[in-house]
Amino acid sequence: LERRASGWNSLGWGLIVASVLSGW
């Protein structure tokens, strides 16, 4: 995106955390 989107970034990193927890 042209400007930083902290909401989308937070969602992406949250999905990574959810992926780790689900894998565990």
PDB file of all heavy atoms in Angstrom:
ATOM      1  N   LEU A   1       0.834  -1.200   0.000  1.00  0.00           N
ATOM      2  CA  LEU A   1       0.000   0.000   0.000  1.00  0.00           C
ATOM      3  C   LEU A   1       0.871   1.254   0.000  1.00  0.00           C
ATOM      4  O   LEU A   1       2.026   1.226   0.414  1.00  0.00           O
ATOM      5  CB  LEU A   1      -0.912   0.002   1.236  1.00  0.00           C
ATOM      6  CG  LEU A   1      -1.929  -1.136   1.324  1.00  0.00           C
ATOM      7  CD1 LEU A   1      -2.654  -1.087   2.662  1.00  0.00           C
ATOM      8  CD2 LEU A   1      -2.911  -1.044   0.175  1.00  0.00           C
ATOM      9  N   GLU A   2       0.298   2.365  -0.445  1.00  0.00           N
ATOM     10  CA  GLU A   2       1.054   3.610  -0.493  1.00  0.00           C
ATOM     11  C   GLU A   2       1.385   4.132   0.899  1.00  0.00           C
ATOM     12  O   GLU A   2       2.429   4.711   1.116  1.00  0.00           O
ATOM     13  CB  GLU A   2       0.273   4.663  -1.277  1.00  0.00           C
ATOM     14  CG  GLU A   2       0.255   4.412  -2.761  1.00  0.00           C
ATOM     15  CD  GLU A   2      -0.392   5.559  -3.508  1.00  0.00           C
ATOM     16  OE1 GLU A   2      -0.408   6.686  -2.990  1.00  0.00           O
ATOM     17  OE2 GLU A   2      -0.869   5.311  -4.615  1.00  0.00           O
ATOM     18  N   ARG A   3       0.474   3.957   1.825  1.00  0.00           N
ATOM     19  CA  ARG A   3       0.697   4.409   3.197  1.00  0.00           C
ATOM     20  C   ARG A   3       0.712   3.205   4.131  1.00  0.00           C
ATOM     21  O   ARG A   3       0.153   2.167   3.828  1.00  0.00           O
ATOM     22  CB  ARG A   3      -0.411   5.367   3.626  1.00  0.00           C
ATOM     23  CG  ARG A   3      -0.448   6.625   2.812  1.00  0.00           C
ATOM     24  CD  ARG A   3      -1.467   7.583   3.386  1.00  0.00           C
ATOM     25  NE  ARG A   3      -1.600   8.751   2.560  1.00  0.00           N
ATOM     26  CZ  ARG A   3      -0.913   9.858   2.717  1.00  0.00           C
ATOM     27  NH1 ARG A   3      -0.047   9.945   3.691  1.00  0.00           N
ATOM     28  NH2 ARG A   3      -1.086  10.879   1.925  1.00  0.00           N
ATOM     29  N   ARG A   4       1.341   3.401   5.260  1.00  0.00           N
ATOM     30  CA  ARG A   4       1.398   2.318   6.234  1.00  0.00           C
ATOM     31  C   ARG A   4       0.001   2.027   6.768  1.00  0.00           C
ATOM     32  O   ARG A   4      -0.758   2.922   7.080  1.00  0.00           O
ATOM     33  CB  ARG A   4       2.314   2.684   7.386  1.00  0.00           C
ATOM     34  CG  ARG A   4       3.745   2.723   6.952  1.00  0.00           C
ATOM     35  CD  ARG A   4       4.649   2.912   8.108  1.00  0.00           C
ATOM     36  NE  ARG A   4       6.019   2.972   7.589  1.00  0.00           N
ATOM     37  CZ  ARG A   4       7.040   3.325   8.291  1.00  0.00           C
ATOM     38  NH1 ARG A   4       6.889   3.657   9.549  1.00  0.00           N
ATOM     39  NH2 ARG A   4       8.233   3.357   7.767  1.00  0.00           N
ATOM     40  N   ALA A   5      -0.305   0.762   6.875  1.00  0.00           N
ATOM     41  CA  ALA A   5      -1.612   0.334   7.367  1.00  0.00           C
ATOM     42  C   ALA A   5      -1.388  -0.554   8.592  1.00  0.00           C
ATOM     43  O   ALA A   5      -1.224  -1.765   8.468  1.00  0.00           O
ATOM     44  CB  ALA A   5      -2.361  -0.422   6.284  1.00  0.00           C
ATOM     45  N   SER A   6      -1.361   0.066   9.762  1.00  0.00           N
ATOM     46  CA  SER A   6      -1.049  -0.688  10.971  1.00  0.00           C
ATOM     47  C   SER A   6      -2.106  -1.752  11.268  1.00  0.00           C
ATOM     48  O   SER A   6      -1.789  -2.801  11.824  1.00  0.00           O
ATOM     49  CB  SER A   6      -0.881   0.251  12.165  1.00  0.00           C
ATOM     50  OG  SER A   6      -2.056   1.000  12.366  1.00  0.00           O
ATOM     51  N   GLY A   7      -3.334  -1.505  10.905  1.00  0.00           N
ATOM     52  CA  GLY A   7      -4.377  -2.505  11.118  1.00  0.00           C
ATOM     53  C   GLY A   7      -4.124  -3.775  10.314  1.00  0.00           C
ATOM     54  O   GLY A   7      -4.241  -4.892  10.830  1.00  0.00           O
ATOM     55  N   TRP A   8      -3.774  -3.620   9.032  1.00  0.00           N
ATOM     56  CA  TRP A   8      -3.490  -4.775   8.198  1.00  0.00           C
ATOM     57  C   TRP A   8      -2.225  -5.480   8.667  1.00  0.00           C
ATOM     58  O   TRP A   8      -2.149  -6.714   8.657  1.00  0.00           O
ATOM     59  CB  TRP A   8      -3.359  -4.373   6.733  1.00  0.00           C
ATOM     60  CG  TRP A   8      -4.676  -4.079   6.086  1.00  0.00           C
ATOM     61  CD1 TRP A   8      -5.150  -2.861   5.703  1.00  0.00           C
ATOM     62  CD2 TRP A   8      -5.700  -5.024   5.766  1.00  0.00           C
ATOM     63  NE1 TRP A   8      -6.408  -2.981   5.165  1.00  0.00           N
ATOM     64  CE2 TRP A   8      -6.767  -4.306   5.190  1.00  0.00           C
ATOM     65  CE3 TRP A   8      -5.838  -6.391   5.909  1.00  0.00           C
ATOM     66  CZ2 TRP A   8      -7.932  -4.920   4.759  1.00  0.00           C
ATOM     67  CZ3 TRP A   8      -7.002  -7.001   5.484  1.00  0.00           C
ATOM     68  CH2 TRP A   8      -8.032  -6.275   4.915  1.00  0.00           C
ATOM     69  N   ASN A   9      -1.207  -4.709   9.048  1.00  0.00           N
ATOM     70  CA  ASN A   9       0.025  -5.311   9.573  1.00  0.00           C
ATOM     71  C   ASN A   9      -0.268  -6.115  10.834  1.00  0.00           C
ATOM     72  O   ASN A   9       0.226  -7.229  11.002  1.00  0.00           O
ATOM     73  CB  ASN A   9       1.083  -4.244   9.866  1.00  0.00           C
ATOM     74  CG  ASN A   9       1.764  -3.761   8.612  1.00  0.00           C
ATOM     75  OD1 ASN A   9       1.899  -4.490   7.644  1.00  0.00           O
ATOM     76  ND2 ASN A   9       2.183  -2.509   8.628  1.00  0.00           N
ATOM     77  N   SER A  10      -1.066  -5.549  11.724  1.00  0.00           N
ATOM     78  CA  SER A  10      -1.419  -6.253  12.964  1.00  0.00           C
ATOM     79  C   SER A  10      -2.192  -7.537  12.656  1.00  0.00           C
ATOM     80  O   SER A  10      -1.957  -8.574  13.287  1.00  0.00           O
ATOM     81  CB  SER A  10      -2.255  -5.354  13.865  1.00  0.00           C
ATOM     82  OG  SER A  10      -1.527  -4.213  14.239  1.00  0.00           O
ATOM     83  N   LEU A  11      -3.110  -7.470  11.700  1.00  0.00           N
ATOM     84  CA  LEU A  11      -3.855  -8.660  11.314  1.00  0.00           C
ATOM     85  C   LEU A  11      -2.914  -9.732  10.774  1.00  0.00           C
ATOM     86  O   LEU A  11      -3.019 -10.912  11.147  1.00  0.00           O
ATOM     87  CB  LEU A  11      -4.921  -8.313  10.265  1.00  0.00           C
ATOM     88  CG  LEU A  11      -5.694  -9.512   9.693  1.00  0.00           C
ATOM     89  CD1 LEU A  11      -6.496 -10.207  10.787  1.00  0.00           C
ATOM     90  CD2 LEU A  11      -6.585  -9.068   8.550  1.00  0.00           C
ATOM     91  N   GLY A  12      -1.983  -9.341   9.916  1.00  0.00           N
ATOM     92  CA  GLY A  12      -1.032 -10.306   9.347  1.00  0.00           C
ATOM     93  C   GLY A  12      -0.192 -10.983  10.415  1.00  0.00           C
ATOM     94  O   GLY A  12      -0.046 -12.216  10.434  1.00  0.00           O
ATOM     95  N   TRP A  13       0.366 -10.192  11.330  1.00  0.00           N
ATOM     96  CA  TRP A  13       1.188 -10.776  12.396  1.00  0.00           C
ATOM     97  C   TRP A  13       0.329 -11.590  13.355  1.00  0.00           C
ATOM     98  O   TRP A  13       0.769 -12.616  13.881  1.00  0.00           O
ATOM     99  CB  TRP A  13       1.983  -9.698  13.124  1.00  0.00           C
ATOM    100  CG  TRP A  13       3.094  -9.178  12.270  1.00  0.00           C
ATOM    101  CD1 TRP A  13       3.149  -7.955  11.679  1.00  0.00           C
ATOM    102  CD2 TRP A  13       4.281  -9.864  11.875  1.00  0.00           C
ATOM    103  NE1 TRP A  13       4.302  -7.841  10.937  1.00  0.00           N
ATOM    104  CE2 TRP A  13       5.016  -9.000  11.045  1.00  0.00           C
ATOM    105  CE3 TRP A  13       4.788 -11.136  12.137  1.00  0.00           C
ATOM    106  CZ2 TRP A  13       6.234  -9.373  10.480  1.00  0.00           C
ATOM    107  CZ3 TRP A  13       6.003 -11.495  11.572  1.00  0.00           C
ATOM    108  CH2 TRP A  13       6.713 -10.612  10.761  1.00  0.00           C
ATOM    109  N   GLY A  14      -0.895 -11.174  13.573  1.00  0.00           N
ATOM    110  CA  GLY A  14      -1.813 -11.955  14.400  1.00  0.00           C
ATOM    111  C   GLY A  14      -2.113 -13.316  13.777  1.00  0.00           C
ATOM    112  O   GLY A  14      -2.225 -14.327  14.479  1.00  0.00           O
ATOM    113  N   LEU A  15      -2.247 -13.349  12.442  1.00  0.00           N
ATOM    114  CA  LEU A  15      -2.464 -14.620  11.763  1.00  0.00           C
ATOM    115  C   LEU A  15      -1.255 -15.539  11.891  1.00  0.00           C
ATOM    116  O   LEU A  15      -1.402 -16.769  11.999  1.00  0.00           O
ATOM    117  CB  LEU A  15      -2.793 -14.382  10.277  1.00  0.00           C
ATOM    118  CG  LEU A  15      -4.181 -13.818   9.990  1.00  0.00           C
ATOM    119  CD1 LEU A  15      -4.312 -13.456   8.511  1.00  0.00           C
ATOM    120  CD2 LEU A  15      -5.255 -14.807  10.401  1.00  0.00           C
ATOM    121  N   ILE A  16      -0.055 -14.958  11.898  1.00  0.00           N
ATOM    122  CA  ILE A  16       1.147 -15.780  12.093  1.00  0.00           C
ATOM    123  C   ILE A  16       1.146 -16.378  13.495  1.00  0.00           C
ATOM    124  O   ILE A  16       1.452 -17.560  13.681  1.00  0.00           O
ATOM    125  CB  ILE A  16       2.425 -14.963  11.814  1.00  0.00           C
ATOM    126  CG1 ILE A  16       2.557 -14.750  10.309  1.00  0.00           C
ATOM    127  CG2 ILE A  16       3.654 -15.660  12.383  1.00  0.00           C
ATOM    128  CD1 ILE A  16       3.750 -13.964   9.877  1.00  0.00           C
ATOM    129  N   VAL A  17       0.787 -15.577  14.488  1.00  0.00           N
ATOM    130  CA  VAL A  17       0.701 -16.098  15.856  1.00  0.00           C
ATOM    131  C   VAL A  17      -0.359 -17.201  15.923  1.00  0.00           C
ATOM    132  O   VAL A  17      -0.138 -18.260  16.533  1.00  0.00           O
ATOM    133  CB  VAL A  17       0.394 -14.961  16.856  1.00  0.00           C
ATOM    134  CG1 VAL A  17       0.048 -15.502  18.225  1.00  0.00           C
ATOM    135  CG2 VAL A  17       1.570 -13.992  16.944  1.00  0.00           C
ATOM    136  N   ALA A  18      -1.500 -16.985  15.280  1.00  0.00           N
ATOM    137  CA  ALA A  18      -2.554 -17.998  15.262  1.00  0.00           C
ATOM    138  C   ALA A  18      -2.078 -19.268  14.556  1.00  0.00           C
ATOM    139  O   ALA A  18      -2.417 -20.382  14.979  1.00  0.00           O
ATOM    140  CB  ALA A  18      -3.806 -17.447  14.580  1.00  0.00           C
ATOM    141  N   SER A  19      -1.274 -19.112  13.526  1.00  0.00           N
ATOM    142  CA  SER A  19      -0.725 -20.273  12.819  1.00  0.00           C
ATOM    143  C   SER A  19       0.185 -21.080  13.735  1.00  0.00           C
ATOM    144  O   SER A  19       0.110 -22.312  13.774  1.00  0.00           O
ATOM    145  CB  SER A  19       0.050 -19.802  11.583  1.00  0.00           C
ATOM    146  OG  SER A  19       0.751 -20.859  10.994  1.00  0.00           O
ATOM    147  N   VAL A  20       1.042 -20.399  14.472  1.00  0.00           N
ATOM    148  CA  VAL A  20       1.937 -21.088  15.409  1.00  0.00           C
ATOM    149  C   VAL A  20       1.136 -21.813  16.488  1.00  0.00           C
ATOM    150  O   VAL A  20       1.386 -22.983  16.790  1.00  0.00           O
ATOM    151  CB  VAL A  20       2.937 -20.090  16.040  1.00  0.00           C
ATOM    152  CG1 VAL A  20       3.691 -20.718  17.197  1.00  0.00           C
ATOM    153  CG2 VAL A  20       3.909 -19.570  14.986  1.00  0.00           C
ATOM    154  N   LEU A  21       0.153 -21.118  17.056  1.00  0.00           N
ATOM    155  CA  LEU A  21      -0.658 -21.741  18.113  1.00  0.00           C
ATOM    156  C   LEU A  21      -1.458 -22.928  17.591  1.00  0.00           C
ATOM    157  O   LEU A  21      -1.573 -23.967  18.257  1.00  0.00           O
ATOM    158  CB  LEU A  21      -1.583 -20.693  18.739  1.00  0.00           C
ATOM    159  CG  LEU A  21      -0.890 -19.565  19.502  1.00  0.00           C
ATOM    160  CD1 LEU A  21      -1.906 -18.538  19.974  1.00  0.00           C
ATOM    161  CD2 LEU A  21      -0.063 -20.099  20.651  1.00  0.00           C
ATOM    162  N   SER A  22      -2.005 -22.809  16.387  1.00  0.00           N
ATOM    163  CA  SER A  22      -2.766 -23.902  15.796  1.00  0.00           C
ATOM    164  C   SER A  22      -1.859 -25.084  15.478  1.00  0.00           C
ATOM    165  O   SER A  22      -2.228 -26.245  15.703  1.00  0.00           O
ATOM    166  CB  SER A  22      -3.475 -23.420  14.530  1.00  0.00           C
ATOM    167  OG  SER A  22      -4.197 -24.451  13.936  1.00  0.00           O
ATOM    168  N   GLY A  23      -0.669 -24.801  14.958  1.00  0.00           N
ATOM    169  CA  GLY A  23       0.283 -25.873  14.680  1.00  0.00           C
ATOM    170  C   GLY A  23       0.708 -26.593  15.946  1.00  0.00           C
ATOM    171  O   GLY A  23       0.825 -27.822  15.971  1.00  0.00           O
ATOM    172  N   TRP A  24       0.910 -25.824  17.017  1.00  0.00           N
ATOM    173  CA  TRP A  24       1.291 -26.419  18.295  1.00  0.00           C
ATOM    174  C   TRP A  24       0.163 -27.286  18.851  1.00  0.00           C
ATOM    175  O   TRP A  24       0.398 -28.394  19.330  1.00  0.00           O
ATOM    176  CB  TRP A  24       1.675 -25.344  19.295  1.00  0.00           C
ATOM    177  CG  TRP A  24       2.187 -25.938  20.572  1.00  0.00           C
ATOM    178  CD1 TRP A  24       1.488 -26.215  21.692  1.00  0.00           C
ATOM    179  CD2 TRP A  24       3.524 -26.366  20.820  1.00  0.00           C
ATOM    180  NE1 TRP A  24       2.304 -26.778  22.637  1.00  0.00           N
ATOM    181  CE2 TRP A  24       3.561 -26.889  22.128  1.00  0.00           C
ATOM    182  CE3 TRP A  24       4.695 -26.353  20.070  1.00  0.00           C
ATOM    183  CZ2 TRP A  24       4.714 -27.393  22.698  1.00  0.00           C
ATOM    184  CZ3 TRP A  24       5.847 -26.855  20.641  1.00  0.00           C
ATOM    185  CH2 TRP A  24       5.854 -27.369  21.930  1.00  0.00           C
TER     186      TRP A  24
END
